Amino acid sequence: MSSTPKPLLSLILVVGFLVVGLFFIQHFFEILLFLDELRIRLGLAKLPPPCPVGELVNASGYVYGPCQYDGPFKPSGATCNSSMVIIGGQVLSCIASDGRYAVFKARLSYDECWPPGNRLAKTCLAVLASSKYVVFVDLRSGEAVATSLSVSEAIGEKDVVFGKDGVYLRGDRPRDFISLRVELDPTKLRISQPVELVNGTMIKVIPAGS
């Protein structure tokens, strides 16, 4: 009766471990999302409230040229559509501003998906997937909303529209937003002039007077 040679058996075991490892890595995020959903269904965690932004509307407004900002940028909180704890941020570019609102491409850093001290606290999945966001800030109140950017996605000044009743993002594809606060210095902001009047279907991001 013949037996499998030890070198061949070792090779089979190594290949087997590699296949299992690659499968786990490929489906890592799906596994974490499944576990999160299971915890919610079992009542061990609650979904955060949805953000009251992101509605598709017909609107009009002005596109502004790019802005410049060299002041502080301190994001905090995440009051809706997210249970992450924001611990810092960095402005990558100032996309556009009309003097009432400013839109930035920024890197947000998070700590945990659940409030500090919660027994279910864990590493936030979002920080593993993406940390680049477009952040829309009300310069009067500091209230802000943000939407994540995919690796290949680019949003520029021509994609942002400033209307009488708020800020819009051009396009008709629904997006997810999170709500937060951002502390910055409006005196460090340099804005351009309006360059184009546009109208059509847009995503309403921040209502006027928010």
N, C-alpha and C. Protein backbone atom coordinates (compact mmCIF):
# COMPACT_ATOMS: atom_id res chain seq x y z
N MET A 1 0.86 -1.20 0.00
CA MET A 1 0.00 0.00 0.00
C MET A 1 0.89 1.24 0.00
N SER A 2 0.70 2.08 -0.99
CA SER A 2 1.56 3.26 -1.11
C SER A 2 1.00 4.41 -0.29
N SER A 3 1.87 5.30 0.12
CA SER A 3 1.48 6.49 0.87
C SER A 3 1.97 7.73 0.15
N THR A 4 1.32 8.86 0.41
CA THR A 4 1.71 10.11 -0.23
C THR A 4 3.06 10.57 0.29
N PRO A 5 4.02 10.87 -0.57
CA PRO A 5 5.34 11.34 -0.13
C PRO A 5 5.20 12.59 0.73
N LYS A 6 6.07 12.70 1.73
CA LYS A 6 5.99 13.84 2.66
C LYS A 6 6.13 15.19 1.97
N PRO A 7 7.08 15.37 1.01
CA PRO A 7 7.17 16.67 0.33
C PRO A 7 5.88 17.05 -0.39
N LEU A 8 5.24 16.07 -1.03
CA LEU A 8 3.99 16.34 -1.74
C LEU A 8 2.88 16.68 -0.76
N LEU A 9 2.84 15.98 0.37
CA LEU A 9 1.84 16.26 1.40
C LEU A 9 2.02 17.66 1.95
N SER A 10 3.27 18.05 2.18
CA SER A 10 3.55 19.40 2.68
C SER A 10 3.10 20.45 1.68
N LEU A 11 3.36 20.18 0.39
CA LEU A 11 2.95 21.12 -0.66
C LEU A 11 1.44 21.26 -0.71
N ILE A 12 0.74 20.14 -0.57
CA ILE A 12 -0.73 20.17 -0.58
C ILE A 12 -1.25 20.99 0.59
N LEU A 13 -0.65 20.81 1.77
CA LEU A 13 -1.08 21.57 2.95
C LEU A 13 -0.83 23.06 2.77
N VAL A 14 0.34 23.42 2.22
CA VAL A 14 0.66 24.83 2.00
C VAL A 14 -0.32 25.46 1.02
N VAL A 15 -0.59 24.77 -0.08
CA VAL A 15 -1.54 25.27 -1.07
C VAL A 15 -2.93 25.41 -0.46
N GLY A 16 -3.31 24.44 0.36
CA GLY A 16 -4.61 24.50 1.02
C GLY A 16 -4.73 25.71 1.93
N PHE A 17 -3.69 25.97 2.73
CA PHE A 17 -3.70 27.13 3.61
C PHE A 17 -3.75 28.43 2.81
N LEU A 18 -3.02 28.48 1.69
CA LEU A 18 -3.04 29.68 0.85
C LEU A 18 -4.42 29.93 0.27
N VAL A 19 -5.09 28.88 -0.18
CA VAL A 19 -6.43 29.03 -0.74
C VAL A 19 -7.40 29.54 0.32
N VAL A 20 -7.33 28.95 1.52
CA VAL A 20 -8.21 29.40 2.61
C VAL A 20 -7.91 30.84 2.98
N GLY A 21 -6.61 31.19 3.04
CA GLY A 21 -6.22 32.55 3.38
C GLY A 21 -6.70 33.56 2.36
N LEU A 22 -6.54 33.25 1.08
CA LEU A 22 -6.99 34.15 0.02
C LEU A 22 -8.50 34.32 0.05
N PHE A 23 -9.22 33.24 0.32
CA PHE A 23 -10.68 33.33 0.42
C PHE A 23 -11.08 34.25 1.56
N PHE A 24 -10.40 34.11 2.71
CA PHE A 24 -10.73 34.94 3.87
C PHE A 24 -10.45 36.41 3.58
N ILE A 25 -9.29 36.69 2.95
CA ILE A 25 -8.94 38.07 2.64
C ILE A 25 -9.94 38.67 1.66
N GLN A 26 -10.30 37.90 0.64
CA GLN A 26 -11.22 38.39 -0.38
C GLN A 26 -12.59 38.71 0.19
N HIS A 27 -13.02 37.94 1.19
CA HIS A 27 -14.36 38.12 1.75
C HIS A 27 -14.33 38.72 3.15
N PHE A 28 -13.20 39.36 3.51
CA PHE A 28 -13.05 39.89 4.86
C PHE A 28 -14.12 40.91 5.19
N PHE A 29 -14.33 41.88 4.28
CA PHE A 29 -15.30 42.93 4.55
C PHE A 29 -16.72 42.38 4.57
N GLU A 30 -17.01 41.42 3.68
CA GLU A 30 -18.34 40.81 3.69
C GLU A 30 -18.61 40.09 5.01
N ILE A 31 -17.58 39.43 5.54
CA ILE A 31 -17.74 38.73 6.82
C ILE A 31 -18.02 39.72 7.94
N LEU A 32 -17.26 40.83 7.97
CA LEU A 32 -17.48 41.83 9.02
C LEU A 32 -18.86 42.46 8.91
N LEU A 33 -19.29 42.76 7.69
CA LEU A 33 -20.63 43.33 7.51
C LEU A 33 -21.71 42.35 7.94
N PHE A 34 -21.51 41.06 7.64
CA PHE A 34 -22.47 40.04 8.06
C PHE A 34 -22.55 39.98 9.58
N LEU A 35 -21.41 40.03 10.25
CA LEU A 35 -21.39 39.99 11.71
C LEU A 35 -22.06 41.22 12.30
N ASP A 36 -21.83 42.41 11.68
CA ASP A 36 -22.49 43.62 12.15
C ASP A 36 -24.01 43.50 12.02
N GLU A 37 -24.46 43.01 10.87
CA GLU A 37 -25.90 42.85 10.65
C GLU A 37 -26.49 41.85 11.64
N LEU A 38 -25.76 40.79 11.92
CA LEU A 38 -26.22 39.79 12.87
C LEU A 38 -26.36 40.39 14.26
N ARG A 39 -25.40 41.21 14.67
CA ARG A 39 -25.46 41.86 15.99
C ARG A 39 -26.67 42.78 16.09
N ILE A 40 -26.98 43.47 14.98
CA ILE A 40 -28.13 44.37 14.98
C ILE A 40 -29.42 43.57 15.07
N ARG A 41 -29.51 42.48 14.30
CA ARG A 41 -30.72 41.65 14.32
C ARG A 41 -30.94 41.00 15.68
N LEU A 42 -29.87 40.70 16.39
CA LEU A 42 -29.98 40.09 17.72
C LEU A 42 -30.24 41.12 18.81
N GLY A 43 -30.28 42.40 18.44
CA GLY A 43 -30.54 43.44 19.42
C GLY A 43 -29.33 43.84 20.23
N LEU A 44 -28.14 43.41 19.81
CA LEU A 44 -26.92 43.76 20.53
C LEU A 44 -26.38 45.12 20.12
N ALA A 45 -26.89 45.67 19.05
CA ALA A 45 -26.46 46.98 18.57
C ALA A 45 -27.61 47.61 17.81
N LYS A 46 -27.56 48.93 17.67
CA LYS A 46 -28.61 49.65 16.97
C LYS A 46 -28.02 50.41 15.78
N LEU A 47 -28.80 50.48 14.72
CA LEU A 47 -28.39 51.27 13.57
C LEU A 47 -28.45 52.75 13.91
N PRO A 48 -27.48 53.55 13.45
CA PRO A 48 -27.57 54.99 13.66
C PRO A 48 -28.71 55.57 12.82
N PRO A 49 -29.27 56.73 13.21
CA PRO A 49 -30.36 57.33 12.44
C PRO A 49 -29.87 57.77 11.07
N PRO A 50 -30.75 57.74 10.05
CA PRO A 50 -30.35 58.18 8.71
C PRO A 50 -30.17 59.69 8.66
N CYS A 51 -29.36 60.17 7.73
CA CYS A 51 -29.16 61.60 7.57
C CYS A 51 -30.27 62.20 6.71
N PRO A 52 -30.79 63.36 7.11
CA PRO A 52 -31.86 64.00 6.33
C PRO A 52 -31.31 64.78 5.14
N VAL A 53 -30.36 64.21 4.41
CA VAL A 53 -29.79 64.85 3.23
C VAL A 53 -29.65 63.80 2.14
N GLY A 54 -29.35 64.27 0.94
CA GLY A 54 -29.14 63.35 -0.16
C GLY A 54 -30.35 63.16 -1.06
N GLU A 55 -31.34 64.05 -0.92
CA GLU A 55 -32.55 63.94 -1.74
C GLU A 55 -32.28 64.42 -3.17
N LEU A 56 -32.81 63.70 -4.14
CA LEU A 56 -32.71 64.11 -5.54
C LEU A 56 -33.79 65.15 -5.83
N VAL A 57 -33.38 66.32 -6.34
CA VAL A 57 -34.33 67.40 -6.61
C VAL A 57 -33.95 68.09 -7.93
N ASN A 58 -34.89 68.83 -8.46
CA ASN A 58 -34.61 69.73 -9.58
C ASN A 58 -34.26 71.09 -8.99
N ALA A 59 -33.10 71.61 -9.32
CA ALA A 59 -32.65 72.86 -8.70
C ALA A 59 -31.77 73.63 -9.67
N SER A 60 -31.44 74.85 -9.26
CA SER A 60 -30.54 75.69 -10.05
C SER A 60 -29.61 76.42 -9.11
N GLY A 61 -28.49 76.84 -9.62
CA GLY A 61 -27.53 77.57 -8.81
C GLY A 61 -26.26 77.83 -9.59
N TYR A 62 -25.25 78.32 -8.88
CA TYR A 62 -24.00 78.71 -9.53
C TYR A 62 -22.86 77.75 -9.19
N VAL A 63 -22.05 77.51 -10.19
CA VAL A 63 -20.78 76.80 -10.00
C VAL A 63 -19.70 77.85 -9.77
N TYR A 64 -18.90 77.66 -8.74
CA TYR A 64 -17.80 78.58 -8.43
C TYR A 64 -16.46 77.95 -8.80
N GLY A 65 -15.49 78.82 -9.00
CA GLY A 65 -14.14 78.33 -9.24
C GLY A 65 -13.54 77.74 -7.98
N PRO A 66 -12.37 77.11 -8.08
CA PRO A 66 -11.75 76.47 -6.92
C PRO A 66 -11.38 77.48 -5.84
N CYS A 67 -11.36 77.01 -4.61
CA CYS A 67 -11.02 77.86 -3.47
C CYS A 67 -9.66 77.44 -2.90
N GLN A 68 -9.19 78.22 -1.94
CA GLN A 68 -7.95 77.91 -1.23
C GLN A 68 -8.19 78.06 0.26
N TYR A 69 -7.61 77.16 1.03
CA TYR A 69 -7.79 77.22 2.49
C TYR A 69 -6.51 76.73 3.15
N ASP A 70 -5.99 77.53 4.10
CA ASP A 70 -4.76 77.16 4.80
C ASP A 70 -4.91 77.30 6.32
N GLY A 71 -6.14 77.10 6.80
CA GLY A 71 -6.40 77.21 8.22
C GLY A 71 -6.65 75.86 8.87
N PRO A 72 -7.08 75.87 10.13
CA PRO A 72 -7.36 74.61 10.85
C PRO A 72 -8.58 73.90 10.29
N PHE A 73 -8.61 72.60 10.47
CA PHE A 73 -9.74 71.78 10.03
C PHE A 73 -9.90 70.67 11.06
N LYS A 74 -10.91 70.84 11.93
CA LYS A 74 -11.08 69.91 13.04
C LYS A 74 -12.48 69.29 13.01
N PRO A 75 -12.63 68.15 12.38
CA PRO A 75 -13.93 67.48 12.36
C PRO A 75 -14.19 66.73 13.65
N SER A 76 -15.45 66.60 14.00
CA SER A 76 -15.82 65.85 15.20
C SER A 76 -17.23 65.32 15.04
N GLY A 77 -17.55 64.33 15.86
CA GLY A 77 -18.89 63.77 15.85
C GLY A 77 -19.19 63.01 14.57
N ALA A 78 -20.31 62.40 14.56
CA ALA A 78 -20.89 61.72 13.41
C ALA A 78 -22.28 61.35 13.87
N THR A 79 -23.22 62.28 13.67
CA THR A 79 -24.50 62.19 14.35
C THR A 79 -25.55 61.37 13.61
N CYS A 80 -25.32 61.05 12.36
CA CYS A 80 -26.31 60.25 11.65
C CYS A 80 -25.64 59.39 10.59
N ASN A 81 -26.29 58.27 10.30
CA ASN A 81 -25.85 57.33 9.27
C ASN A 81 -24.45 56.80 9.52
N SER A 82 -23.98 56.89 10.75
CA SER A 82 -22.65 56.40 11.07
C SER A 82 -22.52 56.24 12.57
N SER A 83 -21.81 55.23 12.99
CA SER A 83 -21.53 55.05 14.41
C SER A 83 -20.03 55.16 14.67
N MET A 84 -19.30 55.74 13.71
CA MET A 84 -17.87 55.90 13.90
C MET A 84 -17.58 57.12 14.75
N VAL A 85 -16.44 57.10 15.44
CA VAL A 85 -15.99 58.22 16.25
C VAL A 85 -14.85 58.90 15.49
N ILE A 86 -15.10 60.11 15.01
CA ILE A 86 -14.10 60.83 14.23
C ILE A 86 -13.06 61.42 15.17
N ILE A 87 -11.79 61.17 14.89
CA ILE A 87 -10.73 61.64 15.79
C ILE A 87 -9.79 62.63 15.10
N GLY A 88 -10.00 62.93 13.85
CA GLY A 88 -9.14 63.89 13.18
C GLY A 88 -9.44 64.01 11.71
N GLY A 89 -8.83 65.01 11.09
CA GLY A 89 -9.04 65.21 9.67
C GLY A 89 -7.95 66.07 9.06
N GLN A 90 -7.80 65.97 7.76
CA GLN A 90 -6.79 66.73 7.03
C GLN A 90 -7.36 67.16 5.70
N VAL A 91 -7.29 68.46 5.40
CA VAL A 91 -7.76 68.97 4.12
C VAL A 91 -6.77 68.57 3.03
N LEU A 92 -7.27 67.92 2.00
CA LEU A 92 -6.45 67.58 0.85
C LEU A 92 -6.55 68.65 -0.23
N SER A 93 -7.72 69.24 -0.36
CA SER A 93 -7.91 70.35 -1.30
C SER A 93 -9.21 71.06 -0.97
N CYS A 94 -9.27 72.34 -1.33
CA CYS A 94 -10.50 73.12 -1.19
C CYS A 94 -11.17 73.11 -2.56
N ILE A 95 -12.33 72.49 -2.64
CA ILE A 95 -12.98 72.29 -3.94
C ILE A 95 -13.66 73.57 -4.42
N ALA A 96 -14.54 74.14 -3.59
CA ALA A 96 -15.26 75.36 -3.98
C ALA A 96 -15.94 75.96 -2.76
N SER A 97 -16.23 77.27 -2.86
CA SER A 97 -16.94 77.96 -1.78
C SER A 97 -17.62 79.19 -2.35
N ASP A 98 -18.79 79.52 -1.79
CA ASP A 98 -19.48 80.75 -2.17
C ASP A 98 -19.48 81.76 -1.04
N GLY A 99 -18.75 81.49 0.03
CA GLY A 99 -18.71 82.37 1.19
C GLY A 99 -19.67 81.96 2.28
N ARG A 100 -20.72 81.23 1.93
CA ARG A 100 -21.65 80.69 2.94
C ARG A 100 -21.28 79.26 3.30
N TYR A 101 -20.91 78.52 2.28
CA TYR A 101 -20.54 77.12 2.45
C TYR A 101 -19.18 76.89 1.80
N ALA A 102 -18.49 75.88 2.27
CA ALA A 102 -17.23 75.49 1.66
C ALA A 102 -17.21 73.97 1.51
N VAL A 103 -16.62 73.52 0.43
CA VAL A 103 -16.58 72.09 0.13
C VAL A 103 -15.12 71.67 0.01
N PHE A 104 -14.75 70.65 0.78
CA PHE A 104 -13.37 70.20 0.82
C PHE A 104 -13.26 68.73 0.44
N LYS A 105 -12.15 68.38 -0.14
CA LYS A 105 -11.74 66.98 -0.20
C LYS A 105 -10.84 66.78 1.00
N ALA A 106 -11.19 65.84 1.87
CA ALA A 106 -10.45 65.69 3.12
C ALA A 106 -10.28 64.23 3.49
N ARG A 107 -9.30 64.00 4.31
CA ARG A 107 -9.08 62.66 4.87
C ARG A 107 -9.59 62.67 6.30
N LEU A 108 -10.54 61.79 6.59
CA LEU A 108 -11.09 61.68 7.93
C LEU A 108 -10.53 60.44 8.61
N SER A 109 -10.19 60.58 9.88
CA SER A 109 -9.67 59.46 10.66
C SER A 109 -10.67 59.10 11.74
N TYR A 110 -10.90 57.80 11.94
CA TYR A 110 -11.87 57.36 12.93
C TYR A 110 -11.22 56.41 13.91
N ASP A 111 -11.88 56.27 15.04
CA ASP A 111 -11.37 55.37 16.07
C ASP A 111 -12.20 54.10 16.15
N GLU A 112 -13.45 54.23 16.60
CA GLU A 112 -14.30 53.07 16.79
C GLU A 112 -15.66 53.30 16.16
N CYS A 113 -16.32 52.20 15.81
CA CYS A 113 -17.65 52.31 15.23
C CYS A 113 -18.74 52.50 16.28
N TRP A 114 -18.43 52.24 17.53
CA TRP A 114 -19.43 52.35 18.58
C TRP A 114 -18.93 53.34 19.62
N PRO A 115 -19.82 54.02 20.33
CA PRO A 115 -19.40 55.04 21.29
C PRO A 115 -18.36 54.52 22.27
N PRO A 116 -17.39 55.35 22.66
CA PRO A 116 -16.36 54.92 23.60
C PRO A 116 -16.98 54.37 24.88
N GLY A 117 -16.46 53.29 25.37
CA GLY A 117 -16.98 52.69 26.59
C GLY A 117 -18.03 51.63 26.34
N ASN A 118 -18.59 51.61 25.13
CA ASN A 118 -19.58 50.60 24.80
C ASN A 118 -18.90 49.23 24.73
N ARG A 119 -19.53 48.22 25.31
CA ARG A 119 -18.91 46.89 25.34
C ARG A 119 -18.79 46.28 23.94
N LEU A 120 -19.50 46.87 22.96
CA LEU A 120 -19.43 46.36 21.60
C LEU A 120 -18.43 47.14 20.75
N ALA A 121 -17.66 48.04 21.37
CA ALA A 121 -16.71 48.85 20.62
C ALA A 121 -15.74 47.96 19.85
N LYS A 122 -15.46 48.37 18.63
CA LYS A 122 -14.54 47.60 17.79
C LYS A 122 -13.94 48.52 16.74
N THR A 123 -12.95 48.04 16.01
CA THR A 123 -12.34 48.83 14.95
C THR A 123 -13.38 49.13 13.87
N CYS A 124 -13.37 50.36 13.39
CA CYS A 124 -14.37 50.76 12.40
C CYS A 124 -14.04 50.21 11.03
N LEU A 125 -15.00 49.59 10.39
CA LEU A 125 -14.80 49.01 9.07
C LEU A 125 -14.51 50.08 8.04
N ALA A 126 -15.17 51.24 8.16
CA ALA A 126 -15.04 52.28 7.13
C ALA A 126 -13.60 52.75 6.97
N VAL A 127 -12.86 52.82 8.07
CA VAL A 127 -11.48 53.30 7.96
C VAL A 127 -10.63 52.31 7.17
N LEU A 128 -11.03 51.05 7.13
CA LEU A 128 -10.30 50.06 6.35
C LEU A 128 -10.64 50.17 4.87
N ALA A 129 -11.85 50.65 4.58
CA ALA A 129 -12.30 50.69 3.19
C ALA A 129 -11.94 52.00 2.50
N SER A 130 -12.17 53.12 3.17
CA SER A 130 -11.90 54.41 2.55
C SER A 130 -11.83 55.48 3.62
N SER A 131 -10.91 56.42 3.47
CA SER A 131 -10.81 57.50 4.44
C SER A 131 -10.87 58.86 3.76
N LYS A 132 -11.08 58.88 2.44
CA LYS A 132 -11.18 60.14 1.73
C LYS A 132 -12.65 60.49 1.53
N TYR A 133 -12.99 61.73 1.90
CA TYR A 133 -14.37 62.19 1.84
C TYR A 133 -14.45 63.56 1.18
N VAL A 134 -15.62 63.87 0.63
CA VAL A 134 -15.95 65.24 0.27
C VAL A 134 -16.81 65.78 1.41
N VAL A 135 -16.36 66.88 2.01
CA VAL A 135 -17.00 67.43 3.20
C VAL A 135 -17.61 68.79 2.86
N PHE A 136 -18.91 68.94 3.11
CA PHE A 136 -19.65 70.17 2.85
C PHE A 136 -19.88 70.86 4.19
N VAL A 137 -19.37 72.08 4.34
CA VAL A 137 -19.41 72.76 5.64
C VAL A 137 -20.20 74.05 5.55
N ASP A 138 -21.12 74.25 6.50
CA ASP A 138 -21.81 75.53 6.67
C ASP A 138 -20.86 76.43 7.46
N LEU A 139 -20.34 77.48 6.84
CA LEU A 139 -19.33 78.32 7.47
C LEU A 139 -19.87 79.11 8.65
N ARG A 140 -21.18 79.26 8.74
CA ARG A 140 -21.76 80.03 9.84
C ARG A 140 -21.94 79.20 11.09
N SER A 141 -22.29 77.95 10.94
CA SER A 141 -22.61 77.12 12.10
C SER A 141 -21.60 76.02 12.37
N GLY A 142 -20.81 75.65 11.37
CA GLY A 142 -19.89 74.53 11.54
C GLY A 142 -20.54 73.18 11.28
N GLU A 143 -21.86 73.18 11.04
CA GLU A 143 -22.53 71.93 10.70
C GLU A 143 -22.03 71.46 9.34
N ALA A 144 -21.87 70.16 9.19
CA ALA A 144 -21.30 69.64 7.95
C ALA A 144 -21.87 68.26 7.64
N VAL A 145 -21.76 67.88 6.39
CA VAL A 145 -22.06 66.51 5.96
C VAL A 145 -20.93 66.06 5.05
N ALA A 146 -20.76 64.76 4.95
CA ALA A 146 -19.67 64.22 4.15
C ALA A 146 -20.13 62.97 3.42
N THR A 147 -19.55 62.75 2.27
CA THR A 147 -19.80 61.54 1.49
C THR A 147 -18.46 60.95 1.07
N SER A 148 -18.34 59.65 1.14
CA SER A 148 -17.05 59.01 0.87
C SER A 148 -16.74 58.98 -0.62
N LEU A 149 -15.45 58.96 -0.92
CA LEU A 149 -14.97 58.88 -2.29
C LEU A 149 -14.40 57.50 -2.55
N SER A 150 -14.74 56.93 -3.67
CA SER A 150 -14.11 55.67 -4.06
C SER A 150 -12.71 55.96 -4.57
N VAL A 151 -11.92 54.91 -4.75
CA VAL A 151 -10.53 55.08 -5.15
C VAL A 151 -10.40 55.82 -6.48
N SER A 152 -11.28 55.53 -7.42
CA SER A 152 -11.17 56.11 -8.76
C SER A 152 -12.05 57.33 -8.98
N GLU A 153 -12.77 57.76 -7.95
CA GLU A 153 -13.74 58.84 -8.10
C GLU A 153 -13.10 60.20 -7.87
N ALA A 154 -13.50 61.18 -8.68
CA ALA A 154 -13.02 62.55 -8.52
C ALA A 154 -14.21 63.50 -8.54
N ILE A 155 -14.29 64.38 -7.56
CA ILE A 155 -15.32 65.41 -7.51
C ILE A 155 -14.61 66.76 -7.49
N GLY A 156 -14.92 67.61 -8.48
CA GLY A 156 -14.29 68.92 -8.58
C GLY A 156 -15.28 70.04 -8.44
N GLU A 157 -14.80 71.28 -8.66
CA GLU A 157 -15.65 72.44 -8.46
C GLU A 157 -16.85 72.45 -9.40
N LYS A 158 -16.73 71.85 -10.59
CA LYS A 158 -17.85 71.84 -11.54
C LYS A 158 -18.97 70.90 -11.09
N ASP A 159 -18.70 70.05 -10.10
CA ASP A 159 -19.71 69.12 -9.61
C ASP A 159 -20.52 69.70 -8.46
N VAL A 160 -20.11 70.86 -7.94
CA VAL A 160 -20.76 71.47 -6.77
C VAL A 160 -21.53 72.71 -7.21
N VAL A 161 -22.78 72.81 -6.77
CA VAL A 161 -23.64 73.93 -7.14
C VAL A 161 -24.15 74.61 -5.88
N PHE A 162 -24.01 75.94 -5.84
CA PHE A 162 -24.47 76.72 -4.70
C PHE A 162 -25.76 77.44 -5.10
N GLY A 163 -26.86 77.07 -4.45
CA GLY A 163 -28.15 77.68 -4.74
C GLY A 163 -28.62 78.56 -3.59
N LYS A 164 -29.75 79.22 -3.80
CA LYS A 164 -30.30 80.09 -2.75
C LYS A 164 -30.70 79.30 -1.51
N ASP A 165 -31.11 78.05 -1.72
CA ASP A 165 -31.60 77.27 -0.59
C ASP A 165 -30.66 76.12 -0.23
N GLY A 166 -29.36 76.26 -0.53
CA GLY A 166 -28.43 75.25 -0.06
C GLY A 166 -27.36 74.89 -1.07
N VAL A 167 -26.70 73.78 -0.81
CA VAL A 167 -25.62 73.28 -1.66
C VAL A 167 -26.07 71.98 -2.32
N TYR A 168 -25.67 71.81 -3.57
CA TYR A 168 -26.07 70.63 -4.33
C TYR A 168 -24.84 69.97 -4.95
N LEU A 169 -24.99 68.68 -5.19
CA LEU A 169 -23.98 67.91 -5.91
C LEU A 169 -24.62 67.47 -7.22
N ARG A 170 -23.99 67.81 -8.32
CA ARG A 170 -24.57 67.48 -9.62
C ARG A 170 -24.58 65.96 -9.83
N GLY A 171 -25.65 65.50 -10.47
CA GLY A 171 -25.79 64.07 -10.73
C GLY A 171 -27.11 63.55 -10.23
N ASP A 172 -27.45 62.35 -10.65
CA ASP A 172 -28.71 61.74 -10.25
C ASP A 172 -28.51 60.38 -9.61
N ARG A 173 -27.29 60.12 -9.14
CA ARG A 173 -27.02 58.84 -8.47
C ARG A 173 -27.07 59.05 -6.96
N PRO A 174 -27.98 58.38 -6.25
CA PRO A 174 -28.08 58.54 -4.80
C PRO A 174 -26.75 58.23 -4.10
N ARG A 175 -26.47 58.94 -3.02
CA ARG A 175 -25.24 58.74 -2.26
C ARG A 175 -25.57 58.66 -0.79
N ASP A 176 -24.69 58.05 -0.04
CA ASP A 176 -24.81 58.02 1.41
C ASP A 176 -24.01 59.17 2.01
N PHE A 177 -24.57 59.79 3.05
CA PHE A 177 -23.91 60.90 3.73
C PHE A 177 -23.84 60.62 5.22
N ILE A 178 -22.85 61.21 5.86
CA ILE A 178 -22.80 61.24 7.31
C ILE A 178 -22.82 62.70 7.74
N SER A 179 -23.34 62.96 8.92
CA SER A 179 -23.40 64.31 9.46
C SER A 179 -22.34 64.47 10.54
N LEU A 180 -21.71 65.63 10.57
CA LEU A 180 -20.66 65.88 11.56
C LEU A 180 -20.55 67.38 11.79
N ARG A 181 -19.58 67.78 12.58
CA ARG A 181 -19.26 69.18 12.78
C ARG A 181 -17.80 69.40 12.39
N VAL A 182 -17.53 70.59 11.87
CA VAL A 182 -16.15 70.93 11.48
C VAL A 182 -15.82 72.31 12.01
N GLU A 183 -14.74 72.39 12.76
CA GLU A 183 -14.24 73.67 13.25
C GLU A 183 -13.15 74.16 12.30
N LEU A 184 -13.36 75.35 11.73
CA LEU A 184 -12.37 75.94 10.83
C LEU A 184 -12.37 77.46 10.97
N ASP A 185 -11.49 78.12 10.24
CA ASP A 185 -11.35 79.58 10.31
C ASP A 185 -11.73 80.18 8.95
N PRO A 186 -12.95 80.74 8.83
CA PRO A 186 -13.38 81.28 7.54
C PRO A 186 -12.48 82.39 7.00
N THR A 187 -11.73 83.08 7.89
CA THR A 187 -10.86 84.16 7.42
C THR A 187 -9.67 83.62 6.62
N LYS A 188 -9.40 82.33 6.74
CA LYS A 188 -8.29 81.70 6.01
C LYS A 188 -8.75 81.13 4.66
N LEU A 189 -10.01 81.40 4.33
CA LEU A 189 -10.59 80.85 3.11
C LEU A 189 -10.59 81.90 2.00
N ARG A 190 -10.10 81.55 0.84
CA ARG A 190 -10.11 82.44 -0.32
C ARG A 190 -10.98 81.80 -1.40
N ILE A 191 -12.00 82.55 -1.81
CA ILE A 191 -12.97 81.99 -2.75
C ILE A 191 -12.84 82.63 -4.12
N SER A 192 -13.38 81.95 -5.12
CA SER A 192 -13.39 82.45 -6.49
C SER A 192 -14.76 83.05 -6.81
N GLN A 193 -14.92 83.49 -8.04
CA GLN A 193 -16.18 84.05 -8.50
C GLN A 193 -17.03 82.95 -9.14
N PRO A 194 -18.35 83.16 -9.20
CA PRO A 194 -19.20 82.20 -9.92
C PRO A 194 -18.84 82.18 -11.40
N VAL A 195 -18.82 80.99 -11.98
CA VAL A 195 -18.39 80.85 -13.37
C VAL A 195 -19.49 80.31 -14.29
N GLU A 196 -20.55 79.75 -13.69
CA GLU A 196 -21.57 79.12 -14.54
C GLU A 196 -22.88 78.99 -13.77
N LEU A 197 -23.98 79.29 -14.45
CA LEU A 197 -25.31 79.07 -13.89
C LEU A 197 -25.84 77.76 -14.47
N VAL A 198 -26.24 76.84 -13.60
CA VAL A 198 -26.69 75.53 -14.07
C VAL A 198 -28.03 75.19 -13.43
N ASN A 199 -28.75 74.27 -14.05
CA ASN A 199 -29.99 73.75 -13.48
C ASN A 199 -30.16 72.32 -13.94
N GLY A 200 -30.98 71.57 -13.20
CA GLY A 200 -31.21 70.17 -13.53
C GLY A 200 -31.38 69.33 -12.29
N THR A 201 -31.26 68.03 -12.45
CA THR A 201 -31.39 67.10 -11.33
C THR A 201 -30.09 67.07 -10.53
N MET A 202 -30.21 67.29 -9.22
CA MET A 202 -29.04 67.34 -8.36
C MET A 202 -29.36 66.68 -7.02
N ILE A 203 -28.30 66.43 -6.27
CA ILE A 203 -28.44 65.88 -4.92
C ILE A 203 -28.36 67.02 -3.93
N LYS A 204 -29.43 67.23 -3.16
CA LYS A 204 -29.42 68.31 -2.17
C LYS A 204 -28.60 67.86 -0.96
N VAL A 205 -27.56 68.62 -0.65
CA VAL A 205 -26.64 68.23 0.41
C VAL A 205 -26.92 68.99 1.69
N ILE A 206 -26.84 70.32 1.64
CA ILE A 206 -27.09 71.13 2.84
C ILE A 206 -28.17 72.14 2.52
N PRO A 207 -29.26 72.17 3.30
CA PRO A 207 -30.29 73.19 3.10
C PRO A 207 -29.83 74.53 3.65
N ALA A 208 -30.35 75.61 3.11
CA ALA A 208 -30.00 76.94 3.59
C ALA A 208 -30.42 77.09 5.05
N GLY A 209 -29.56 77.74 5.83
CA GLY A 209 -29.87 77.97 7.23
C GLY A 209 -29.71 76.75 8.09
N SER A 210 -29.00 75.73 7.60
CA SER A 210 -28.82 74.50 8.38
C SER A 210 -27.97 74.76 9.61
